[in-house]
């Protein structure tokens, strides 16, 4: 095999690995945004529950039962959505990190091949 062919194969492998790393990192940023959104939704639902409890001295449950039921249903729904988004994004983040670790060259390998070929 020609040393020039080996050099070209190393360059191509480095380019492919770097492109894959950039793609995986972009997907990880997306999942981090999803995690942030899930935590925000969960925080809003807990804040609404806190407001409901804090203002409980100003109303009686019998008078506003239908409103409280609707509000509690909304709080539970938002909590479920927030937890789902957070768990889903954490699972995807771990999968992407595993993919990067298994299929990409490490930074040290890239530097060694680059320095060796130039």
PDB file of N, CA and C in Angstrom:
ATOM      1  N   UNK A   1       0.832  -1.185   0.000  1.00  0.00           N
ATOM      2  CA  UNK A   1       0.000   0.000   0.000  1.00  0.00           C
ATOM      3  C   UNK A   1       0.876   1.247   0.000  1.00  0.00           C
ATOM      4  N   UNK A   2       0.484   2.188  -0.752  1.00  0.00           N
ATOM      5  CA  UNK A   2       1.197   3.443  -0.934  1.00  0.00           C
ATOM      6  C   UNK A   2       1.040   4.309   0.330  1.00  0.00           C
ATOM      7  N   UNK A   3       2.112   4.920   0.857  1.00  0.00           N
ATOM      8  CA  UNK A   3       1.997   5.798   2.029  1.00  0.00           C
ATOM      9  C   UNK A   3       1.048   6.966   1.789  1.00  0.00           C
ATOM     10  N   UNK A   4       0.965   7.429   0.542  1.00  0.00           N
ATOM     11  CA  UNK A   4       0.042   8.517   0.227  1.00  0.00           C
ATOM     12  C   UNK A   4      -1.402   8.065   0.404  1.00  0.00           C
ATOM     13  N   UNK A   5      -1.705   6.827  -0.010  1.00  0.00           N
ATOM     14  CA  UNK A   5      -3.058   6.288   0.182  1.00  0.00           C
ATOM     15  C   UNK A   5      -3.385   6.174   1.668  1.00  0.00           C
ATOM     16  N   UNK A   6      -2.405   5.752   2.463  1.00  0.00           N
ATOM     17  CA  UNK A   6      -2.602   5.637   3.911  1.00  0.00           C
ATOM     18  C   UNK A   6      -2.881   7.014   4.517  1.00  0.00           C
ATOM     19  N   UNK A   7      -2.135   8.025   4.050  1.00  0.00           N
ATOM     20  CA  UNK A   7      -2.326   9.398   4.516  1.00  0.00           C
ATOM     21  C   UNK A   7      -3.741   9.879   4.170  1.00  0.00           C
ATOM     22  N   UNK A   8      -4.188   9.601   2.925  1.00  0.00           N
ATOM     23  CA  UNK A   8      -5.527  10.024   2.514  1.00  0.00           C
ATOM     24  C   UNK A   8      -6.600   9.309   3.317  1.00  0.00           C
ATOM     25  N   UNK A   9      -6.410   8.022   3.614  1.00  0.00           N
ATOM     26  CA  UNK A   9      -7.375   7.276   4.417  1.00  0.00           C
ATOM     27  C   UNK A   9      -7.449   7.828   5.837  1.00  0.00           C
ATOM     28  N   UNK A  10      -6.287   8.187   6.412  1.00  0.00           N
ATOM     29  CA  UNK A  10      -6.278   8.784   7.750  1.00  0.00           C
ATOM     30  C   UNK A  10      -7.006  10.122   7.753  1.00  0.00           C
ATOM     31  N   UNK A  11      -6.749  10.960   6.742  1.00  0.00           N
ATOM     32  CA  UNK A  11      -7.434  12.248   6.656  1.00  0.00           C
ATOM     33  C   UNK A  11      -8.938  12.066   6.526  1.00  0.00           C
ATOM     34  N   UNK A  12      -9.348  11.112   5.700  1.00  0.00           N
ATOM     35  CA  UNK A  12     -10.779  10.864   5.518  1.00  0.00           C
ATOM     36  C   UNK A  12     -11.403  10.342   6.809  1.00  0.00           C
ATOM     37  N   UNK A  13     -10.702   9.465   7.502  1.00  0.00           N
ATOM     38  CA  UNK A  13     -11.218   8.935   8.764  1.00  0.00           C
ATOM     39  C   UNK A  13     -11.328  10.038   9.815  1.00  0.00           C
ATOM     40  N   UNK A  14     -10.340  10.931   9.848  1.00  0.00           N
ATOM     41  CA  UNK A  14     -10.387  12.057  10.781  1.00  0.00           C
ATOM     42  C   UNK A  14     -11.566  12.971  10.447  1.00  0.00           C
ATOM     43  N   UNK A  15     -11.749  13.298   9.166  1.00  0.00           N
ATOM     44  CA  UNK A  15     -12.867  14.158   8.762  1.00  0.00           C
ATOM     45  C   UNK A  15     -14.202  13.515   9.120  1.00  0.00           C
ATOM     46  N   UNK A  16     -14.355  12.221   8.839  1.00  0.00           N
ATOM     47  CA  UNK A  16     -15.608  11.523   9.148  1.00  0.00           C
ATOM     48  C   UNK A  16     -15.865  11.493  10.647  1.00  0.00           C
ATOM     49  N   UNK A  17     -14.822  11.246  11.404  1.00  0.00           N
ATOM     50  CA  UNK A  17     -14.968  11.205  12.852  1.00  0.00           C
ATOM     51  C   UNK A  17     -15.349  12.580  13.397  1.00  0.00           C
ATOM     52  N   UNK A  18     -14.699  13.622  12.901  1.00  0.00           N
ATOM     53  CA  UNK A  18     -15.026  14.982  13.356  1.00  0.00           C
ATOM     54  C   UNK A  18     -16.458  15.365  12.971  1.00  0.00           C
ATOM     55  N   UNK A  19     -16.893  14.982  11.787  1.00  0.00           N
ATOM     56  CA  UNK A  19     -18.272  15.275  11.361  1.00  0.00           C
ATOM     57  C   UNK A  19     -19.272  14.551  12.254  1.00  0.00           C
ATOM     58  N   UNK A  20     -18.977  13.309  12.585  1.00  0.00           N
ATOM     59  CA  UNK A  20     -19.865  12.547  13.466  1.00  0.00           C
ATOM     60  C   UNK A  20     -19.896  13.155  14.861  1.00  0.00           C
ATOM     61  N   UNK A  21     -18.754  13.584  15.354  1.00  0.00           N
ATOM     62  CA  UNK A  21     -18.702  14.227  16.676  1.00  0.00           C
ATOM     63  C   UNK A  21     -19.532  15.510  16.673  1.00  0.00           C
ATOM     64  N   UNK A  22     -19.409  16.330  15.625  1.00  0.00           N
ATOM     65  CA  UNK A  22     -20.198  17.570  15.549  1.00  0.00           C
ATOM     66  C   UNK A  22     -21.688  17.267  15.535  1.00  0.00           C
ATOM     67  N   UNK A  23     -22.089  16.247  14.792  1.00  0.00           N
ATOM     68  CA  UNK A  23     -23.499  15.878  14.713  1.00  0.00           C
ATOM     69  C   UNK A  23     -24.013  15.402  16.070  1.00  0.00           C
ATOM     70  N   UNK A  24     -23.248  14.555  16.720  1.00  0.00           N
ATOM     71  CA  UNK A  24     -23.662  14.044  18.024  1.00  0.00           C
ATOM     72  C   UNK A  24     -23.750  15.173  19.045  1.00  0.00           C
ATOM     73  N   UNK A  25     -22.783  16.081  19.024  1.00  0.00           N
ATOM     74  CA  UNK A  25     -22.808  17.206  19.960  1.00  0.00           C
ATOM     75  C   UNK A  25     -24.016  18.120  19.705  1.00  0.00           C
ATOM     76  N   UNK A  26     -24.393  18.315  18.453  1.00  0.00           N
ATOM     77  CA  UNK A  26     -25.579  19.119  18.140  1.00  0.00           C
ATOM     78  C   UNK A  26     -26.832  18.437  18.675  1.00  0.00           C
ATOM     79  N   UNK A  27     -26.912  17.109  18.519  1.00  0.00           N
ATOM     80  CA  UNK A  27     -28.067  16.384  19.045  1.00  0.00           C
ATOM     81  C   UNK A  27     -28.099  16.445  20.571  1.00  0.00           C
ATOM     82  N   UNK A  28     -26.927  16.404  21.199  1.00  0.00           N
ATOM     83  CA  UNK A  28     -26.882  16.499  22.655  1.00  0.00           C
ATOM     84  C   UNK A  28     -27.369  17.874  23.127  1.00  0.00           C
ATOM     85  N   UNK A  29     -27.017  18.923  22.398  1.00  0.00           N
ATOM     86  CA  UNK A  29     -27.516  20.265  22.762  1.00  0.00           C
ATOM     87  C   UNK A  29     -29.038  20.305  22.673  1.00  0.00           C
ATOM     88  N   UNK A  30     -29.601  19.640  21.669  1.00  0.00           N
ATOM     89  CA  UNK A  30     -31.053  19.585  21.530  1.00  0.00           C
ATOM     90  C   UNK A  30     -31.680  18.877  22.722  1.00  0.00           C
ATOM     91  N   UNK A  31     -31.085  17.759  23.142  1.00  0.00           N
ATOM     92  CA  UNK A  31     -31.631  17.038  24.289  1.00  0.00           C
ATOM     93  C   UNK A  31     -31.447  17.808  25.587  1.00  0.00           C
ATOM     94  N   UNK A  32     -30.380  18.589  25.697  1.00  0.00           N
ATOM     95  CA  UNK A  32     -30.218  19.441  26.876  1.00  0.00           C
ATOM     96  C   UNK A  32     -31.295  20.526  26.917  1.00  0.00           C
ATOM     97  N   UNK A  33     -31.664  21.060  25.755  1.00  0.00           N
ATOM     98  CA  UNK A  33     -32.759  22.039  25.706  1.00  0.00           C
ATOM     99  C   UNK A  33     -34.074  21.374  26.107  1.00  0.00           C
ATOM    100  N   UNK A  34     -34.276  20.130  25.673  1.00  0.00           N
ATOM    101  CA  UNK A  34     -35.480  19.393  26.063  1.00  0.00           C
ATOM    102  C   UNK A  34     -35.495  19.160  27.574  1.00  0.00           C
ATOM    103  N   UNK A  35     -34.348  18.838  28.147  1.00  0.00           N
ATOM    104  CA  UNK A  35     -34.239  18.650  29.593  1.00  0.00           C
ATOM    105  C   UNK A  35     -34.577  19.944  30.327  1.00  0.00           C
ATOM    106  N   UNK A  36     -34.053  21.056  29.834  1.00  0.00           N
ATOM    107  CA  UNK A  36     -34.335  22.361  30.447  1.00  0.00           C
ATOM    108  C   UNK A  36     -35.826  22.672  30.387  1.00  0.00           C
ATOM    109  N   UNK A  37     -36.462  22.354  29.260  1.00  0.00           N
ATOM    110  CA  UNK A  37     -37.901  22.586  29.113  1.00  0.00           C
ATOM    111  C   UNK A  37     -38.689  21.713  30.079  1.00  0.00           C
ATOM    112  N   UNK A  38     -38.304  20.441  30.192  1.00  0.00           N
ATOM    113  CA  UNK A  38     -38.997  19.541  31.116  1.00  0.00           C
ATOM    114  C   UNK A  38     -38.892  20.011  32.551  1.00  0.00           C
ATOM    115  N   UNK A  39     -37.706  20.451  32.951  1.00  0.00           N
ATOM    116  CA  UNK A  39     -37.523  20.956  34.311  1.00  0.00           C
ATOM    117  C   UNK A  39     -38.346  22.227  34.522  1.00  0.00           C
ATOM    118  N   UNK A  40     -38.409  23.077  33.502  1.00  0.00           N
ATOM    119  CA  UNK A  40     -39.221  24.299  33.603  1.00  0.00           C
ATOM    120  C   UNK A  40     -40.695  23.994  33.766  1.00  0.00           C
ATOM    121  N   UNK A  41     -41.210  23.051  32.995  1.00  0.00           N
ATOM    122  CA  UNK A  41     -42.627  22.674  33.110  1.00  0.00           C
ATOM    123  C   UNK A  41     -42.902  22.072  34.474  1.00  0.00           C
ATOM    124  N   UNK A  42     -42.002  21.230  34.947  1.00  0.00           N
ATOM    125  CA  UNK A  42     -42.159  20.631  36.269  1.00  0.00           C
ATOM    126  C   UNK A  42     -42.146  21.706  37.354  1.00  0.00           C
ATOM    127  N   UNK A  43     -41.297  22.693  37.207  1.00  0.00           N
ATOM    128  CA  UNK A  43     -41.218  23.790  38.180  1.00  0.00           C
ATOM    129  C   UNK A  43     -42.501  24.606  38.187  1.00  0.00           C
ATOM    130  N   UNK A  44     -43.062  24.862  37.015  1.00  0.00           N
ATOM    131  CA  UNK A  44     -44.315  25.617  36.943  1.00  0.00           C
ATOM    132  C   UNK A  44     -45.429  24.868  37.655  1.00  0.00           C
ATOM    133  N   UNK A  45     -45.517  23.557  37.427  1.00  0.00           N
ATOM    134  CA  UNK A  45     -46.586  22.795  38.078  1.00  0.00           C
ATOM    135  C   UNK A  45     -46.415  22.796  39.595  1.00  0.00           C
ATOM    136  N   UNK A  46     -45.196  22.691  40.082  1.00  0.00           N
ATOM    137  CA  UNK A  46     -44.970  22.739  41.532  1.00  0.00           C
ATOM    138  C   UNK A  46     -45.275  24.134  42.091  1.00  0.00           C
ATOM    139  N   UNK A  47     -44.998  25.175  41.313  1.00  0.00           N
ATOM    140  CA  UNK A  47     -45.315  26.538  41.751  1.00  0.00           C
ATOM    141  C   UNK A  47     -46.819  26.739  41.851  1.00  0.00           C
ATOM    142  N   UNK A  48     -47.564  26.212  40.881  1.00  0.00           N
ATOM    143  CA  UNK A  48     -49.022  26.321  40.941  1.00  0.00           C
ATOM    144  C   UNK A  48     -49.580  25.586  42.157  1.00  0.00           C
ATOM    145  N   UNK A  49     -49.033  24.433  42.462  1.00  0.00           N
ATOM    146  CA  UNK A  49     -49.461  23.691  43.644  1.00  0.00           C
ATOM    147  C   UNK A  49     -49.152  24.475  44.916  1.00  0.00           C
ATOM    148  N   UNK A  50     -48.002  25.114  44.966  1.00  0.00           N
ATOM    149  CA  UNK A  50     -47.629  25.929  46.118  1.00  0.00           C
ATOM    150  C   UNK A  50     -48.585  27.103  46.287  1.00  0.00           C
ATOM    151  N   UNK A  51     -48.951  27.750  45.189  1.00  0.00           N
ATOM    152  CA  UNK A  51     -49.903  28.869  45.252  1.00  0.00           C
ATOM    153  C   UNK A  51     -51.257  28.391  45.733  1.00  0.00           C
ATOM    154  N   UNK A  52     -51.684  27.224  45.241  1.00  0.00           N
ATOM    155  CA  UNK A  52     -52.962  26.661  45.666  1.00  0.00           C
ATOM    156  C   UNK A  52     -52.972  26.398  47.170  1.00  0.00           C
ATOM    157  N   UNK A  53     -51.896  25.857  47.692  1.00  0.00           N
ATOM    158  CA  UNK A  53     -51.807  25.574  49.132  1.00  0.00           C
ATOM    159  C   UNK A  53     -51.691  26.870  49.931  1.00  0.00           C
ATOM    160  N   UNK A  54     -50.895  27.809  49.450  1.00  0.00           N
ATOM    161  CA  UNK A  54     -50.675  29.058  50.185  1.00  0.00           C
ATOM    162  C   UNK A  54     -51.937  29.901  50.293  1.00  0.00           C
ATOM    163  N   UNK A  55     -52.807  29.828  49.302  1.00  0.00           N
ATOM    164  CA  UNK A  55     -54.033  30.640  49.322  1.00  0.00           C
ATOM    165  C   UNK A  55     -55.233  29.867  49.847  1.00  0.00           C
ATOM    166  N   UNK A  56     -55.022  28.686  50.404  1.00  0.00           N
ATOM    167  CA  UNK A  56     -56.149  27.860  50.849  1.00  0.00           C
ATOM    168  C   UNK A  56     -56.925  28.483  52.007  1.00  0.00           C
ATOM    169  N   UNK A  57     -56.354  29.434  52.721  1.00  0.00           N
ATOM    170  CA  UNK A  57     -57.075  30.114  53.810  1.00  0.00           C
ATOM    171  C   UNK A  57     -58.146  31.064  53.282  1.00  0.00           C
ATOM    172  N   UNK A  58     -58.079  31.456  52.019  1.00  0.00           N
ATOM    173  CA  UNK A  58     -58.976  32.465  51.465  1.00  0.00           C
ATOM    174  C   UNK A  58     -60.188  31.880  50.754  1.00  0.00           C
ATOM    175  N   UNK A  59     -60.350  30.604  50.743  1.00  0.00           N
ATOM    176  CA  UNK A  59     -61.508  29.977  50.107  1.00  0.00           C
ATOM    177  C   UNK A  59     -61.831  28.670  50.818  1.00  0.00           C
ATOM    178  N   UNK A  60     -63.038  28.206  50.593  1.00  0.00           N
ATOM    179  CA  UNK A  60     -63.417  26.890  51.097  1.00  0.00           C
ATOM    180  C   UNK A  60     -63.522  25.955  49.906  1.00  0.00           C
ATOM    181  N   UNK A  61     -63.103  24.730  50.107  1.00  0.00           N
ATOM    182  CA  UNK A  61     -63.070  23.743  49.015  1.00  0.00           C
ATOM    183  C   UNK A  61     -64.462  23.546  48.412  1.00  0.00           C
ATOM    184  N   UNK A  62     -65.503  23.552  49.227  1.00  0.00           N
ATOM    185  CA  UNK A  62     -66.848  23.309  48.724  1.00  0.00           C
ATOM    186  C   UNK A  62     -67.279  24.363  47.703  1.00  0.00           C
ATOM    187  N   UNK A  63     -66.867  25.597  47.913  1.00  0.00           N
ATOM    188  CA  UNK A  63     -67.273  26.685  47.013  1.00  0.00           C
ATOM    189  C   UNK A  63     -66.549  26.624  45.660  1.00  0.00           C
ATOM    190  N   UNK A  64     -65.329  26.173  45.644  1.00  0.00           N
ATOM    191  CA  UNK A  64     -64.521  26.208  44.419  1.00  0.00           C
ATOM    192  C   UNK A  64     -64.034  24.809  44.005  1.00  0.00           C
ATOM    193  N   UNK A  65     -64.794  23.793  44.348  1.00  0.00           N
ATOM    194  CA  UNK A  65     -64.365  22.417  44.116  1.00  0.00           C
ATOM    195  C   UNK A  65     -64.064  22.146  42.651  1.00  0.00           C
ATOM    196  N   UNK A  66     -64.914  22.563  41.750  1.00  0.00           N
ATOM    197  CA  UNK A  66     -64.697  22.302  40.326  1.00  0.00           C
ATOM    198  C   UNK A  66     -63.435  23.005  39.811  1.00  0.00           C
ATOM    199  N   UNK A  67     -63.204  24.208  40.276  1.00  0.00           N
ATOM    200  CA  UNK A  67     -61.987  24.934  39.867  1.00  0.00           C
ATOM    201  C   UNK A  67     -60.727  24.249  40.398  1.00  0.00           C
ATOM    202  N   UNK A  68     -60.798  23.804  41.654  1.00  0.00           N
ATOM    203  CA  UNK A  68     -59.640  23.135  42.258  1.00  0.00           C
ATOM    204  C   UNK A  68     -59.364  21.813  41.550  1.00  0.00           C
ATOM    205  N   UNK A  69     -60.415  21.071  41.210  1.00  0.00           N
ATOM    206  CA  UNK A  69     -60.238  19.800  40.492  1.00  0.00           C
ATOM    207  C   UNK A  69     -59.557  20.055  39.143  1.00  0.00           C
ATOM    208  N   UNK A  70     -60.029  21.059  38.423  1.00  0.00           N
ATOM    209  CA  UNK A  70     -59.413  21.400  37.137  1.00  0.00           C
ATOM    210  C   UNK A  70     -57.967  21.827  37.294  1.00  0.00           C
ATOM    211  N   UNK A  71     -57.692  22.621  38.308  1.00  0.00           N
ATOM    212  CA  UNK A  71     -56.333  23.093  38.552  1.00  0.00           C
ATOM    213  C   UNK A  71     -55.410  21.940  38.945  1.00  0.00           C
ATOM    214  N   UNK A  72     -55.905  21.067  39.820  1.00  0.00           N
ATOM    215  CA  UNK A  72     -55.088  19.916  40.228  1.00  0.00           C
ATOM    216  C   UNK A  72     -54.844  18.997  39.033  1.00  0.00           C
ATOM    217  N   UNK A  73     -55.843  18.794  38.191  1.00  0.00           N
ATOM    218  CA  UNK A  73     -55.657  17.987  36.988  1.00  0.00           C
ATOM    219  C   UNK A  73     -54.581  18.606  36.089  1.00  0.00           C
ATOM    220  N   UNK A  74     -54.625  19.922  35.912  1.00  0.00           N
ATOM    221  CA  UNK A  74     -53.609  20.611  35.108  1.00  0.00           C
ATOM    222  C   UNK A  74     -52.228  20.495  35.716  1.00  0.00           C
ATOM    223  N   UNK A  75     -52.151  20.602  37.038  1.00  0.00           N
ATOM    224  CA  UNK A  75     -50.869  20.478  37.726  1.00  0.00           C
ATOM    225  C   UNK A  75     -50.288  19.079  37.525  1.00  0.00           C
ATOM    226  N   UNK A  76     -51.131  18.060  37.688  1.00  0.00           N
ATOM    227  CA  UNK A  76     -50.669  16.680  37.508  1.00  0.00           C
ATOM    228  C   UNK A  76     -50.243  16.450  36.072  1.00  0.00           C
ATOM    229  N   UNK A  77     -51.021  16.939  35.117  1.00  0.00           N
ATOM    230  CA  UNK A  77     -50.679  16.770  33.699  1.00  0.00           C
ATOM    231  C   UNK A  77     -49.354  17.448  33.370  1.00  0.00           C
ATOM    232  N   UNK A  78     -49.170  18.661  33.840  1.00  0.00           N
ATOM    233  CA  UNK A  78     -47.905  19.362  33.598  1.00  0.00           C
ATOM    234  C   UNK A  78     -46.736  18.648  34.271  1.00  0.00           C
ATOM    235  N   UNK A  79     -46.979  18.107  35.464  1.00  0.00           N
ATOM    236  CA  UNK A  79     -45.933  17.358  36.152  1.00  0.00           C
ATOM    237  C   UNK A  79     -45.529  16.115  35.377  1.00  0.00           C
ATOM    238  N   UNK A  80     -46.514  15.407  34.841  1.00  0.00           N
ATOM    239  CA  UNK A  80     -46.226  14.194  34.060  1.00  0.00           C
ATOM    240  C   UNK A  80     -45.444  14.558  32.793  1.00  0.00           C
ATOM    241  N   UNK A  81     -45.859  15.610  32.118  1.00  0.00           N
ATOM    242  CA  UNK A  81     -45.156  16.041  30.900  1.00  0.00           C
ATOM    243  C   UNK A  81     -43.722  16.454  31.231  1.00  0.00           C
ATOM    244  N   UNK A  82     -43.540  17.208  32.307  1.00  0.00           N
ATOM    245  CA  UNK A  82     -42.202  17.635  32.706  1.00  0.00           C
ATOM    246  C   UNK A  82     -41.292  16.469  33.046  1.00  0.00           C
ATOM    247  N   UNK A  83     -41.815  15.506  33.799  1.00  0.00           N
ATOM    248  CA  UNK A  83     -41.019  14.323  34.156  1.00  0.00           C
ATOM    249  C   UNK A  83     -40.690  13.518  32.904  1.00  0.00           C
ATOM    250  N   UNK A  84     -41.668  13.355  32.008  1.00  0.00           N
ATOM    251  CA  UNK A  84     -41.427  12.608  30.773  1.00  0.00           C
ATOM    252  C   UNK A  84     -40.314  13.256  29.946  1.00  0.00           C
ATOM    253  N   UNK A  85     -40.395  14.577  29.757  1.00  0.00           N
ATOM    254  CA  UNK A  85     -39.372  15.268  28.972  1.00  0.00           C
ATOM    255  C   UNK A  85     -37.991  15.135  29.605  1.00  0.00           C
ATOM    256  N   UNK A  86     -37.929  15.266  30.919  1.00  0.00           N
ATOM    257  CA  UNK A  86     -36.638  15.179  31.601  1.00  0.00           C
ATOM    258  C   UNK A  86     -36.046  13.773  31.471  1.00  0.00           C
ATOM    259  N   UNK A  87     -36.854  12.759  31.724  1.00  0.00           N
ATOM    260  CA  UNK A  87     -36.347  11.381  31.643  1.00  0.00           C
ATOM    261  C   UNK A  87     -35.977  11.024  30.210  1.00  0.00           C
ATOM    262  N   UNK A  88     -36.830  11.389  29.262  1.00  0.00           N
ATOM    263  CA  UNK A  88     -36.560  11.090  27.850  1.00  0.00           C
ATOM    264  C   UNK A  88     -35.248  11.715  27.396  1.00  0.00           C
ATOM    265  N   UNK A  89     -35.026  12.966  27.755  1.00  0.00           N
ATOM    266  CA  UNK A  89     -33.799  13.639  27.320  1.00  0.00           C
ATOM    267  C   UNK A  89     -32.568  13.047  27.997  1.00  0.00           C
ATOM    268  N   UNK A  90     -32.667  12.657  29.264  1.00  0.00           N
ATOM    269  CA  UNK A  90     -31.521  12.046  29.935  1.00  0.00           C
ATOM    270  C   UNK A  90     -31.158  10.704  29.298  1.00  0.00           C
ATOM    271  N   UNK A  91     -32.160   9.914  28.940  1.00  0.00           N
ATOM    272  CA  UNK A  91     -31.908   8.637  28.274  1.00  0.00           C
ATOM    273  C   UNK A  91     -31.224   8.871  26.932  1.00  0.00           C
ATOM    274  N   UNK A  92     -31.722   9.828  26.160  1.00  0.00           N
ATOM    275  CA  UNK A  92     -31.129  10.123  24.851  1.00  0.00           C
ATOM    276  C   UNK A  92     -29.706  10.677  24.987  1.00  0.00           C
ATOM    277  N   UNK A  93     -29.466  11.501  25.996  1.00  0.00           N
ATOM    278  CA  UNK A  93     -28.118  12.035  26.210  1.00  0.00           C
ATOM    279  C   UNK A  93     -27.127  10.912  26.493  1.00  0.00           C
ATOM    280  N   UNK A  94     -27.526   9.968  27.330  1.00  0.00           N
ATOM    281  CA  UNK A  94     -26.636   8.839  27.629  1.00  0.00           C
ATOM    282  C   UNK A  94     -26.368   8.008  26.385  1.00  0.00           C
ATOM    283  N   UNK A  95     -27.406   7.800  25.564  1.00  0.00           N
ATOM    284  CA  UNK A  95     -27.239   7.007  24.338  1.00  0.00           C
ATOM    285  C   UNK A  95     -26.288   7.706  23.370  1.00  0.00           C
ATOM    286  N   UNK A  96     -26.412   9.012  23.221  1.00  0.00           N
ATOM    287  CA  UNK A  96     -25.534   9.746  22.305  1.00  0.00           C
ATOM    288  C   UNK A  96     -24.099   9.746  22.805  1.00  0.00           C
ATOM    289  N   UNK A  97     -23.909   9.857  24.112  1.00  0.00           N
ATOM    290  CA  UNK A  97     -22.562   9.825  24.660  1.00  0.00           C
ATOM    291  C   UNK A  97     -21.934   8.445  24.440  1.00  0.00           C
ATOM    292  N   UNK A  98     -22.724   7.406  24.607  1.00  0.00           N
ATOM    293  CA  UNK A  98     -22.231   6.047  24.363  1.00  0.00           C
ATOM    294  C   UNK A  98     -21.868   5.872  22.886  1.00  0.00           C
ATOM    295  N   UNK A  99     -22.717   6.392  21.983  1.00  0.00           N
ATOM    296  CA  UNK A  99     -22.442   6.305  20.551  1.00  0.00           C
ATOM    297  C   UNK A  99     -21.143   7.016  20.204  1.00  0.00           C
ATOM    298  N   UNK A 100     -20.950   8.187  20.773  1.00  0.00           N
ATOM    299  CA  UNK A 100     -19.718   8.941  20.507  1.00  0.00           C
ATOM    300  C   UNK A 100     -18.495   8.186  21.006  1.00  0.00           C
ATOM    301  N   UNK A 101     -18.610   7.610  22.183  1.00  0.00           N
ATOM    302  CA  UNK A 101     -17.489   6.875  22.763  1.00  0.00           C
ATOM    303  C   UNK A 101     -17.149   5.630  21.944  1.00  0.00           C
ATOM    304  N   UNK A 102     -18.173   4.955  21.399  1.00  0.00           N
ATOM    305  CA  UNK A 102     -17.954   3.702  20.675  1.00  0.00           C
ATOM    306  C   UNK A 102     -17.535   3.900  19.222  1.00  0.00           C
ATOM    307  N   UNK A 103     -17.978   4.971  18.593  1.00  0.00           N
ATOM    308  CA  UNK A 103     -17.778   5.062  17.144  1.00  0.00           C
ATOM    309  C   UNK A 103     -16.842   6.167  16.685  1.00  0.00           C
ATOM    310  N   UNK A 104     -16.375   6.989  17.559  1.00  0.00           N
ATOM    311  CA  UNK A 104     -15.523   8.106  17.141  1.00  0.00           C
ATOM    312  C   UNK A 104     -14.108   7.941  17.669  1.00  0.00           C
ATOM    313  N   UNK A 105     -13.204   8.525  16.929  1.00  0.00           N
ATOM    314  CA  UNK A 105     -11.828   8.600  17.403  1.00  0.00           C
ATOM    315  C   UNK A 105     -11.780   9.560  18.585  1.00  0.00           C
ATOM    316  N   UNK A 106     -10.898   9.288  19.523  1.00  0.00           N
ATOM    317  CA  UNK A 106     -10.726  10.225  20.629  1.00  0.00           C
ATOM    318  C   UNK A 106      -9.879  11.402  20.154  1.00  0.00           C
ATOM    319  N   UNK A 107      -9.858  12.444  20.925  1.00  0.00           N
ATOM    320  CA  UNK A 107      -9.075  13.624  20.588  1.00  0.00           C
ATOM    321  C   UNK A 107      -7.592  13.275  20.496  1.00  0.00           C
ATOM    322  N   UNK A 108      -7.137  12.403  21.402  1.00  0.00           N
ATOM    323  CA  UNK A 108      -5.736  12.005  21.381  1.00  0.00           C
ATOM    324  C   UNK A 108      -5.410  11.237  20.101  1.00  0.00           C
ATOM    325  N   UNK A 109      -6.310  10.338  19.680  1.00  0.00           N
ATOM    326  CA  UNK A 109      -6.075   9.582  18.452  1.00  0.00           C
ATOM    327  C   UNK A 109      -6.037  10.495  17.235  1.00  0.00           C
ATOM    328  N   UNK A 110      -6.943  11.465  17.198  1.00  0.00           N
ATOM    329  CA  UNK A 110      -6.976  12.407  16.076  1.00  0.00           C
ATOM    330  C   UNK A 110      -5.678  13.210  16.035  1.00  0.00           C
ATOM    331  N   UNK A 111      -5.232  13.715  17.187  1.00  0.00           N
ATOM    332  CA  UNK A 111      -3.994  14.507  17.237  1.00  0.00           C
ATOM    333  C   UNK A 111      -2.792  13.669  16.838  1.00  0.00           C
ATOM    334  N   UNK A 112      -2.752  12.421  17.299  1.00  0.00           N
ATOM    335  CA  UNK A 112      -1.621  11.548  16.978  1.00  0.00           C
ATOM    336  C   UNK A 112      -1.585  11.269  15.463  1.00  0.00           C
ATOM    337  N   UNK A 113      -2.744  10.949  14.883  1.00  0.00           N
ATOM    338  CA  UNK A 113      -2.778  10.658  13.440  1.00  0.00           C
ATOM    339  C   UNK A 113      -2.461  11.904  12.625  1.00  0.00           C
ATOM    340  N   UNK A 114      -2.964  13.056  13.065  1.00  0.00           N
ATOM    341  CA  UNK A 114      -2.710  14.294  12.334  1.00  0.00           C
ATOM    342  C   UNK A 114      -1.229  14.640  12.388  1.00  0.00           C
ATOM    343  N   UNK A 115      -0.649  14.568  13.560  1.00  0.00           N
ATOM    344  CA  UNK A 115       0.769  14.895  13.708  1.00  0.00           C
ATOM    345  C   UNK A 115       1.653  13.872  12.997  1.00  0.00           C
ATOM    346  N   UNK A 116       1.240  12.639  12.985  1.00  0.00           N
ATOM    347  CA  UNK A 116       2.020  11.588  12.325  1.00  0.00           C
ATOM    348  C   UNK A 116       1.984  11.771  10.801  1.00  0.00           C
ATOM    349  N   UNK A 117       0.845  12.228  10.282  1.00  0.00           N
ATOM    350  CA  UNK A 117       0.723  12.332   8.817  1.00  0.00           C
ATOM    351  C   UNK A 117       1.289  13.637   8.271  1.00  0.00           C
ATOM    352  N   UNK A 118       1.517  14.614   9.134  1.00  0.00           N
ATOM    353  CA  UNK A 118       2.041  15.904   8.631  1.00  0.00           C
ATOM    354  C   UNK A 118       3.428  16.129   9.066  1.00  0.00           C
TER     355      UNK A 118
END
